[in-house]
Amino acid sequence: MLPGFLTRAVELLLGREGRSLHLKAAGAATAVLGVVMLVGSWAVTVAEQGARGANLTTYPKALWWSIETATTVGYGDFYPVTLWGRVVGSVVMVVGITTYGLVTAALATWFVGREQRRRHHLARGAEELGEETVRALHERFDRLERMVTGKGADTA
């Protein structure tokens, strides 16, 4: 069941052709972050196993630690004490910071794109209105010109 779910989740994140590149990158980074947190939790428990003063001795504790590390919350309740545990922690931190940066950039790009499309639509509407106004003015001037020219011919 889980592999089917993961396949479907990856297809949802990356598979849509119409999605922009920044949304695909944010989706891929989020998927990578999830994997890094899960694998990092396992790796840190292995690295910390049997170390003196280690407090990341179970997978649930390590999972909580990887979540707070990736989000840069870092309560300090759990932390690695071995070199390899700290290496895993560094990887989780870098991937977490990168992912949240990408997601934030993707959201900002989406908002800016929406605003640009809205402004473009408004400008196009104003341009069409301007062209319509110019046509109406030309018609009026032509009518006035015909009236003036026709009136001048009657009086002569």
N, C-alpha and C. Protein backbone atom coordinates (compact mmCIF):
# COMPACT_ATOMS: atom_id res chain seq x y z
N MET A 1 0.82 -1.20 0.00
CA MET A 1 0.00 0.00 0.00
C MET A 1 0.86 1.26 0.00
N LEU A 2 1.90 1.28 0.80
CA LEU A 2 2.74 2.47 0.90
C LEU A 2 3.45 2.81 -0.40
N PRO A 3 4.05 1.85 -1.13
CA PRO A 3 4.70 2.22 -2.40
C PRO A 3 3.71 2.83 -3.39
N GLY A 4 2.48 2.33 -3.46
CA GLY A 4 1.46 2.91 -4.33
C GLY A 4 1.13 4.33 -3.93
N PHE A 5 1.05 4.57 -2.64
CA PHE A 5 0.79 5.91 -2.12
C PHE A 5 1.93 6.86 -2.49
N LEU A 6 3.17 6.38 -2.30
CA LEU A 6 4.33 7.22 -2.62
C LEU A 6 4.39 7.53 -4.11
N THR A 7 4.09 6.55 -4.94
CA THR A 7 4.09 6.76 -6.39
C THR A 7 3.05 7.81 -6.76
N ARG A 8 1.88 7.68 -6.18
CA ARG A 8 0.80 8.63 -6.45
C ARG A 8 1.17 10.04 -5.97
N ALA A 9 1.80 10.12 -4.79
CA ALA A 9 2.20 11.42 -4.25
C ALA A 9 3.24 12.08 -5.15
N VAL A 10 4.20 11.29 -5.63
CA VAL A 10 5.24 11.84 -6.52
C VAL A 10 4.61 12.29 -7.83
N GLU A 11 3.67 11.51 -8.37
CA GLU A 11 2.99 11.90 -9.60
C GLU A 11 2.22 13.19 -9.40
N LEU A 12 1.56 13.33 -8.25
CA LEU A 12 0.82 14.56 -7.97
C LEU A 12 1.76 15.76 -7.89
N LEU A 13 2.90 15.57 -7.22
CA LEU A 13 3.83 16.69 -7.06
C LEU A 13 4.52 17.08 -8.36
N LEU A 14 4.90 16.10 -9.17
CA LEU A 14 5.75 16.38 -10.32
C LEU A 14 5.09 16.15 -11.66
N GLY A 15 4.00 15.39 -11.71
CA GLY A 15 3.50 14.89 -12.96
C GLY A 15 2.67 15.82 -13.81
N ARG A 16 2.20 16.89 -13.32
CA ARG A 16 1.32 17.74 -14.12
C ARG A 16 2.12 18.55 -15.12
N GLU A 17 1.73 18.42 -16.37
CA GLU A 17 2.45 19.11 -17.44
C GLU A 17 2.26 20.62 -17.37
N GLY A 18 1.09 21.07 -16.95
CA GLY A 18 0.80 22.49 -16.94
C GLY A 18 1.46 23.26 -15.82
N ARG A 19 2.02 22.57 -14.86
CA ARG A 19 2.62 23.26 -13.72
C ARG A 19 3.90 23.97 -14.14
N SER A 20 4.12 25.10 -13.51
CA SER A 20 5.33 25.86 -13.82
C SER A 20 6.53 25.20 -13.16
N LEU A 21 7.69 25.59 -13.64
CA LEU A 21 8.93 24.98 -13.18
C LEU A 21 9.16 25.23 -11.69
N HIS A 22 8.85 26.43 -11.21
CA HIS A 22 9.09 26.73 -9.79
C HIS A 22 8.19 25.90 -8.89
N LEU A 23 6.98 25.60 -9.32
CA LEU A 23 6.11 24.74 -8.51
C LEU A 23 6.60 23.30 -8.51
N LYS A 24 7.11 22.84 -9.66
CA LYS A 24 7.67 21.49 -9.72
C LYS A 24 8.91 21.39 -8.82
N ALA A 25 9.74 22.43 -8.83
CA ALA A 25 10.94 22.43 -7.99
C ALA A 25 10.57 22.43 -6.52
N ALA A 26 9.56 23.21 -6.15
CA ALA A 26 9.13 23.24 -4.75
C ALA A 26 8.54 21.89 -4.34
N GLY A 27 7.78 21.27 -5.22
CA GLY A 27 7.23 19.95 -4.93
C GLY A 27 8.31 18.90 -4.79
N ALA A 28 9.28 18.95 -5.69
CA ALA A 28 10.39 17.99 -5.62
C ALA A 28 11.21 18.20 -4.35
N ALA A 29 11.47 19.45 -4.01
CA ALA A 29 12.24 19.74 -2.79
C ALA A 29 11.49 19.27 -1.55
N THR A 30 10.18 19.42 -1.54
CA THR A 30 9.38 18.96 -0.41
C THR A 30 9.44 17.44 -0.29
N ALA A 31 9.37 16.75 -1.44
CA ALA A 31 9.47 15.29 -1.42
C ALA A 31 10.85 14.86 -0.92
N VAL A 32 11.89 15.53 -1.40
CA VAL A 32 13.24 15.21 -0.95
C VAL A 32 13.38 15.47 0.55
N LEU A 33 12.81 16.57 1.03
CA LEU A 33 12.87 16.87 2.46
C LEU A 33 12.20 15.77 3.27
N GLY A 34 11.05 15.29 2.83
CA GLY A 34 10.37 14.20 3.53
C GLY A 34 11.24 12.96 3.63
N VAL A 35 11.87 12.61 2.51
CA VAL A 35 12.75 11.44 2.50
C VAL A 35 13.96 11.67 3.41
N VAL A 36 14.55 12.86 3.32
CA VAL A 36 15.72 13.16 4.14
C VAL A 36 15.37 13.11 5.63
N MET A 37 14.19 13.60 6.00
CA MET A 37 13.81 13.55 7.42
C MET A 37 13.59 12.11 7.88
N LEU A 38 12.97 11.30 7.05
CA LEU A 38 12.74 9.91 7.42
C LEU A 38 14.04 9.12 7.50
N VAL A 39 14.86 9.26 6.46
CA VAL A 39 16.14 8.54 6.44
C VAL A 39 17.10 9.12 7.48
N GLY A 40 17.08 10.44 7.64
CA GLY A 40 17.93 11.09 8.63
C GLY A 40 17.60 10.66 10.04
N SER A 41 16.32 10.46 10.32
CA SER A 41 15.92 9.98 11.64
C SER A 41 16.50 8.60 11.91
N TRP A 42 16.41 7.74 10.91
CA TRP A 42 16.98 6.40 11.05
C TRP A 42 18.50 6.48 11.20
N ALA A 43 19.16 7.30 10.35
CA ALA A 43 20.62 7.38 10.36
C ALA A 43 21.13 7.95 11.68
N VAL A 44 20.45 8.90 12.24
CA VAL A 44 20.92 9.49 13.50
C VAL A 44 20.76 8.51 14.65
N THR A 45 19.72 7.69 14.63
CA THR A 45 19.59 6.68 15.70
C THR A 45 20.70 5.65 15.59
N VAL A 46 21.08 5.30 14.36
CA VAL A 46 22.19 4.36 14.17
C VAL A 46 23.50 5.00 14.63
N ALA A 47 23.72 6.26 14.25
CA ALA A 47 24.96 6.95 14.61
C ALA A 47 25.07 7.17 16.11
N GLU A 48 23.96 7.41 16.77
CA GLU A 48 23.97 7.73 18.19
C GLU A 48 23.88 6.50 19.09
N GLN A 49 23.59 5.36 18.50
CA GLN A 49 23.39 4.14 19.29
C GLN A 49 24.64 3.82 20.12
N GLY A 50 24.45 3.72 21.40
CA GLY A 50 25.52 3.34 22.32
C GLY A 50 26.46 4.47 22.70
N ALA A 51 26.26 5.67 22.17
CA ALA A 51 27.14 6.79 22.51
C ALA A 51 26.79 7.31 23.90
N ARG A 52 27.80 7.75 24.62
CA ARG A 52 27.58 8.28 25.97
C ARG A 52 26.86 9.63 25.87
N GLY A 53 25.80 9.80 26.61
CA GLY A 53 25.03 11.04 26.62
C GLY A 53 24.05 11.18 25.47
N ALA A 54 23.90 10.12 24.68
CA ALA A 54 23.00 10.18 23.52
C ALA A 54 21.55 10.22 23.98
N ASN A 55 20.77 11.09 23.36
CA ASN A 55 19.35 11.15 23.69
C ASN A 55 18.46 10.86 22.48
N LEU A 56 19.08 10.60 21.32
CA LEU A 56 18.34 10.22 20.13
C LEU A 56 18.44 8.71 19.96
N THR A 57 17.80 7.99 20.85
CA THR A 57 17.95 6.54 20.90
C THR A 57 16.77 5.78 20.29
N THR A 58 15.67 6.47 20.03
CA THR A 58 14.51 5.80 19.42
C THR A 58 14.12 6.55 18.15
N TYR A 59 13.47 5.82 17.25
CA TYR A 59 13.07 6.44 15.99
C TYR A 59 12.05 7.56 16.19
N PRO A 60 11.04 7.42 17.05
CA PRO A 60 10.10 8.54 17.23
C PRO A 60 10.79 9.81 17.75
N LYS A 61 11.72 9.68 18.68
CA LYS A 61 12.46 10.85 19.15
C LYS A 61 13.28 11.45 18.01
N ALA A 62 13.92 10.58 17.24
CA ALA A 62 14.74 11.06 16.12
C ALA A 62 13.89 11.73 15.05
N LEU A 63 12.69 11.21 14.81
CA LEU A 63 11.80 11.82 13.83
C LEU A 63 11.40 13.22 14.29
N TRP A 64 11.06 13.34 15.57
CA TRP A 64 10.73 14.66 16.12
C TRP A 64 11.93 15.60 15.98
N TRP A 65 13.12 15.09 16.30
CA TRP A 65 14.33 15.89 16.17
C TRP A 65 14.55 16.34 14.73
N SER A 66 14.35 15.43 13.76
CA SER A 66 14.58 15.80 12.37
C SER A 66 13.58 16.85 11.90
N ILE A 67 12.34 16.78 12.38
CA ILE A 67 11.34 17.78 12.01
C ILE A 67 11.72 19.15 12.57
N GLU A 68 12.09 19.18 13.85
CA GLU A 68 12.45 20.48 14.43
C GLU A 68 13.77 21.00 13.88
N THR A 69 14.65 20.10 13.43
CA THR A 69 15.91 20.53 12.82
C THR A 69 15.66 21.07 11.42
N ALA A 70 14.85 20.38 10.62
CA ALA A 70 14.57 20.82 9.25
C ALA A 70 13.83 22.16 9.23
N THR A 71 12.98 22.38 10.21
CA THR A 71 12.24 23.63 10.26
C THR A 71 13.01 24.72 11.00
N THR A 72 14.20 24.42 11.43
CA THR A 72 15.10 25.32 12.17
C THR A 72 14.50 25.81 13.47
N VAL A 73 13.58 25.04 14.04
CA VAL A 73 13.02 25.40 15.34
C VAL A 73 14.05 25.10 16.42
N GLY A 74 14.54 23.87 16.45
CA GLY A 74 15.62 23.48 17.34
C GLY A 74 15.35 23.80 18.80
N TYR A 75 14.39 23.11 19.39
CA TYR A 75 14.06 23.34 20.80
C TYR A 75 15.24 23.02 21.73
N GLY A 76 16.09 22.12 21.31
CA GLY A 76 17.22 21.73 22.15
C GLY A 76 16.91 20.55 23.05
N ASP A 77 15.70 20.00 22.95
CA ASP A 77 15.36 18.85 23.78
C ASP A 77 16.07 17.59 23.30
N PHE A 78 16.33 17.47 22.00
CA PHE A 78 17.09 16.36 21.44
C PHE A 78 18.18 16.93 20.55
N TYR A 79 19.35 16.28 20.59
CA TYR A 79 20.46 16.72 19.77
C TYR A 79 21.46 15.59 19.65
N PRO A 80 22.16 15.54 18.51
CA PRO A 80 23.17 14.48 18.33
C PRO A 80 24.46 14.82 19.10
N VAL A 81 25.12 13.78 19.59
CA VAL A 81 26.37 13.99 20.33
C VAL A 81 27.57 13.42 19.61
N THR A 82 27.35 12.59 18.59
CA THR A 82 28.47 12.00 17.86
C THR A 82 28.75 12.80 16.59
N LEU A 83 29.92 12.60 16.03
CA LEU A 83 30.29 13.29 14.80
C LEU A 83 29.33 12.95 13.67
N TRP A 84 29.06 11.64 13.47
CA TRP A 84 28.17 11.24 12.38
C TRP A 84 26.74 11.69 12.61
N GLY A 85 26.32 11.75 13.84
CA GLY A 85 25.00 12.29 14.15
C GLY A 85 24.90 13.76 13.77
N ARG A 86 25.98 14.51 14.01
CA ARG A 86 25.99 15.93 13.65
C ARG A 86 26.08 16.12 12.14
N VAL A 87 26.75 15.21 11.46
CA VAL A 87 26.79 15.27 9.99
C VAL A 87 25.38 15.08 9.44
N VAL A 88 24.67 14.09 9.97
CA VAL A 88 23.28 13.86 9.55
C VAL A 88 22.44 15.10 9.87
N GLY A 89 22.65 15.66 11.04
CA GLY A 89 21.93 16.88 11.41
C GLY A 89 22.20 18.03 10.45
N SER A 90 23.44 18.17 10.02
CA SER A 90 23.79 19.23 9.07
C SER A 90 23.07 19.03 7.74
N VAL A 91 23.01 17.79 7.28
CA VAL A 91 22.30 17.50 6.03
C VAL A 91 20.82 17.84 6.17
N VAL A 92 20.21 17.43 7.28
CA VAL A 92 18.79 17.72 7.50
C VAL A 92 18.57 19.23 7.55
N MET A 93 19.46 19.96 8.19
CA MET A 93 19.32 21.42 8.27
C MET A 93 19.39 22.06 6.89
N VAL A 94 20.42 21.71 6.12
CA VAL A 94 20.62 22.33 4.81
C VAL A 94 19.45 22.02 3.88
N VAL A 95 19.02 20.76 3.87
CA VAL A 95 17.89 20.40 3.01
C VAL A 95 16.62 21.12 3.47
N GLY A 96 16.41 21.21 4.78
CA GLY A 96 15.24 21.91 5.30
C GLY A 96 15.23 23.38 4.93
N ILE A 97 16.34 24.06 5.14
CA ILE A 97 16.43 25.48 4.81
C ILE A 97 16.23 25.70 3.31
N THR A 98 16.85 24.86 2.51
CA THR A 98 16.71 24.98 1.05
C THR A 98 15.26 24.77 0.63
N THR A 99 14.63 23.76 1.19
CA THR A 99 13.24 23.47 0.82
C THR A 99 12.32 24.62 1.18
N TYR A 100 12.43 25.13 2.39
CA TYR A 100 11.55 26.22 2.78
C TYR A 100 11.83 27.48 1.97
N GLY A 101 13.08 27.68 1.59
CA GLY A 101 13.40 28.80 0.70
C GLY A 101 12.75 28.63 -0.67
N LEU A 102 12.82 27.41 -1.21
CA LEU A 102 12.19 27.15 -2.51
C LEU A 102 10.68 27.31 -2.46
N VAL A 103 10.07 26.79 -1.41
CA VAL A 103 8.61 26.90 -1.29
C VAL A 103 8.20 28.37 -1.15
N THR A 104 8.94 29.12 -0.35
CA THR A 104 8.65 30.54 -0.19
C THR A 104 8.81 31.27 -1.52
N ALA A 105 9.88 30.98 -2.25
CA ALA A 105 10.09 31.60 -3.56
C ALA A 105 8.98 31.23 -4.54
N ALA A 106 8.55 29.98 -4.51
CA ALA A 106 7.48 29.54 -5.41
C ALA A 106 6.17 30.28 -5.10
N LEU A 107 5.87 30.42 -3.82
CA LEU A 107 4.66 31.17 -3.45
C LEU A 107 4.76 32.63 -3.87
N ALA A 108 5.91 33.23 -3.64
CA ALA A 108 6.10 34.64 -4.03
C ALA A 108 5.96 34.79 -5.54
N THR A 109 6.54 33.86 -6.29
CA THR A 109 6.44 33.92 -7.75
C THR A 109 5.00 33.76 -8.20
N TRP A 110 4.27 32.89 -7.54
CA TRP A 110 2.86 32.69 -7.88
C TRP A 110 2.06 33.98 -7.65
N PHE A 111 2.27 34.61 -6.49
CA PHE A 111 1.57 35.86 -6.20
C PHE A 111 1.93 36.95 -7.19
N VAL A 112 3.21 37.09 -7.50
CA VAL A 112 3.65 38.11 -8.45
C VAL A 112 3.07 37.82 -9.83
N GLY A 113 3.07 36.57 -10.24
CA GLY A 113 2.50 36.19 -11.54
C GLY A 113 1.02 36.52 -11.63
N ARG A 114 0.29 36.24 -10.56
CA ARG A 114 -1.14 36.58 -10.55
C ARG A 114 -1.35 38.07 -10.70
N GLU A 115 -0.56 38.85 -9.98
CA GLU A 115 -0.68 40.31 -10.05
C GLU A 115 -0.32 40.82 -11.44
N GLN A 116 0.72 40.25 -12.04
CA GLN A 116 1.11 40.67 -13.39
C GLN A 116 0.02 40.33 -14.40
N ARG A 117 -0.59 39.14 -14.27
CA ARG A 117 -1.68 38.78 -15.18
C ARG A 117 -2.87 39.72 -15.00
N ARG A 118 -3.16 40.07 -13.75
CA ARG A 118 -4.27 40.98 -13.48
C ARG A 118 -4.00 42.35 -14.10
N ARG A 119 -2.80 42.85 -13.92
CA ARG A 119 -2.44 44.15 -14.48
C ARG A 119 -2.46 44.11 -16.01
N HIS A 120 -1.97 43.03 -16.57
CA HIS A 120 -1.98 42.89 -18.03
C HIS A 120 -3.41 42.90 -18.55
N HIS A 121 -4.28 42.19 -17.85
CA HIS A 121 -5.69 42.14 -18.24
C HIS A 121 -6.31 43.53 -18.17
N LEU A 122 -6.02 44.25 -17.09
CA LEU A 122 -6.55 45.61 -16.94
C LEU A 122 -5.99 46.54 -18.02
N ALA A 123 -4.70 46.42 -18.30
CA ALA A 123 -4.09 47.28 -19.32
C ALA A 123 -4.67 46.97 -20.69
N ARG A 124 -4.90 45.70 -20.97
CA ARG A 124 -5.50 45.32 -22.25
C ARG A 124 -6.91 45.88 -22.36
N GLY A 125 -7.67 45.80 -21.27
CA GLY A 125 -9.02 46.36 -21.26
C GLY A 125 -9.00 47.86 -21.48
N ALA A 126 -8.05 48.54 -20.83
CA ALA A 126 -7.93 49.99 -21.00
C ALA A 126 -7.52 50.32 -22.43
N GLU A 127 -6.65 49.52 -23.00
CA GLU A 127 -6.21 49.74 -24.39
C GLU A 127 -7.39 49.57 -25.34
N GLU A 128 -8.19 48.54 -25.13
CA GLU A 128 -9.36 48.32 -25.99
C GLU A 128 -10.36 49.46 -25.83
N LEU A 129 -10.54 49.92 -24.59
CA LEU A 129 -11.44 51.04 -24.35
C LEU A 129 -10.92 52.30 -25.04
N GLY A 130 -9.62 52.51 -24.99
CA GLY A 130 -9.01 53.66 -25.65
C GLY A 130 -9.20 53.60 -27.16
N GLU A 131 -9.00 52.42 -27.74
CA GLU A 131 -9.19 52.26 -29.18
C GLU A 131 -10.64 52.51 -29.57
N GLU A 132 -11.57 52.04 -28.76
CA GLU A 132 -12.99 52.24 -29.02
C GLU A 132 -13.34 53.73 -28.94
N THR A 133 -12.76 54.42 -27.97
CA THR A 133 -12.99 55.86 -27.82
C THR A 133 -12.44 56.61 -29.02
N VAL A 134 -11.27 56.24 -29.49
CA VAL A 134 -10.66 56.89 -30.65
C VAL A 134 -11.53 56.68 -31.89
N ARG A 135 -12.04 55.46 -32.07
CA ARG A 135 -12.93 55.19 -33.21
C ARG A 135 -14.18 56.05 -33.14
N ALA A 136 -14.78 56.15 -31.94
CA ALA A 136 -15.99 56.96 -31.78
C ALA A 136 -15.70 58.43 -32.07
N LEU A 137 -14.54 58.93 -31.61
CA LEU A 137 -14.19 60.33 -31.87
C LEU A 137 -13.97 60.57 -33.37
N HIS A 138 -13.32 59.63 -34.05
CA HIS A 138 -13.12 59.77 -35.49
C HIS A 138 -14.45 59.82 -36.22
N GLU A 139 -15.38 58.97 -35.80
CA GLU A 139 -16.71 58.97 -36.43
C GLU A 139 -17.40 60.31 -36.21
N ARG A 140 -17.30 60.86 -35.02
CA ARG A 140 -17.93 62.16 -34.73
C ARG A 140 -17.29 63.27 -35.56
N PHE A 141 -15.96 63.27 -35.61
CA PHE A 141 -15.27 64.29 -36.40
C PHE A 141 -15.63 64.17 -37.87
N ASP A 142 -15.72 62.93 -38.36
CA ASP A 142 -16.11 62.74 -39.76
C ASP A 142 -17.52 63.28 -40.00
N ARG A 143 -18.43 63.00 -39.07
CA ARG A 143 -19.81 63.50 -39.18
C ARG A 143 -19.83 65.02 -39.15
N LEU A 144 -19.07 65.60 -38.22
CA LEU A 144 -19.01 67.06 -38.13
C LEU A 144 -18.42 67.67 -39.40
N GLU A 145 -17.38 67.00 -39.91
CA GLU A 145 -16.74 67.49 -41.13
C GLU A 145 -17.72 67.45 -42.29
N ARG A 146 -18.49 66.37 -42.39
CA ARG A 146 -19.50 66.28 -43.45
C ARG A 146 -20.56 67.36 -43.28
N MET A 147 -20.95 67.59 -42.02
CA MET A 147 -21.97 68.63 -41.76
C MET A 147 -21.43 70.01 -42.14
N VAL A 148 -20.18 70.28 -41.75
CA VAL A 148 -19.59 71.59 -42.04
C VAL A 148 -19.40 71.75 -43.55
N THR A 149 -18.89 70.73 -44.18
CA THR A 149 -18.66 70.80 -45.62
C THR A 149 -19.97 70.88 -46.37
N GLY A 150 -20.96 70.13 -45.96
CA GLY A 150 -22.26 70.14 -46.62
C GLY A 150 -22.96 71.48 -46.40
N LYS A 151 -22.82 72.07 -45.23
CA LYS A 151 -23.45 73.33 -44.89
C LYS A 151 -22.81 74.45 -45.71
N GLY A 152 -21.48 74.39 -45.87
CA GLY A 152 -20.78 75.40 -46.66
C GLY A 152 -21.18 75.35 -48.12
N ALA A 153 -21.49 74.18 -48.64
CA ALA A 153 -21.87 74.04 -50.06
C ALA A 153 -23.27 74.58 -50.28
N ASP A 154 -24.19 74.47 -49.26
CA ASP A 154 -25.57 74.96 -49.41
C ASP A 154 -25.62 76.48 -49.43
N THR A 155 -24.75 77.14 -48.67
CA THR A 155 -24.81 78.58 -48.56
C THR A 155 -24.15 79.28 -49.73
N ALA A 156 -23.34 78.62 -50.50
CA ALA A 156 -22.63 79.27 -51.60
C ALA A 156 -23.40 79.31 -52.86
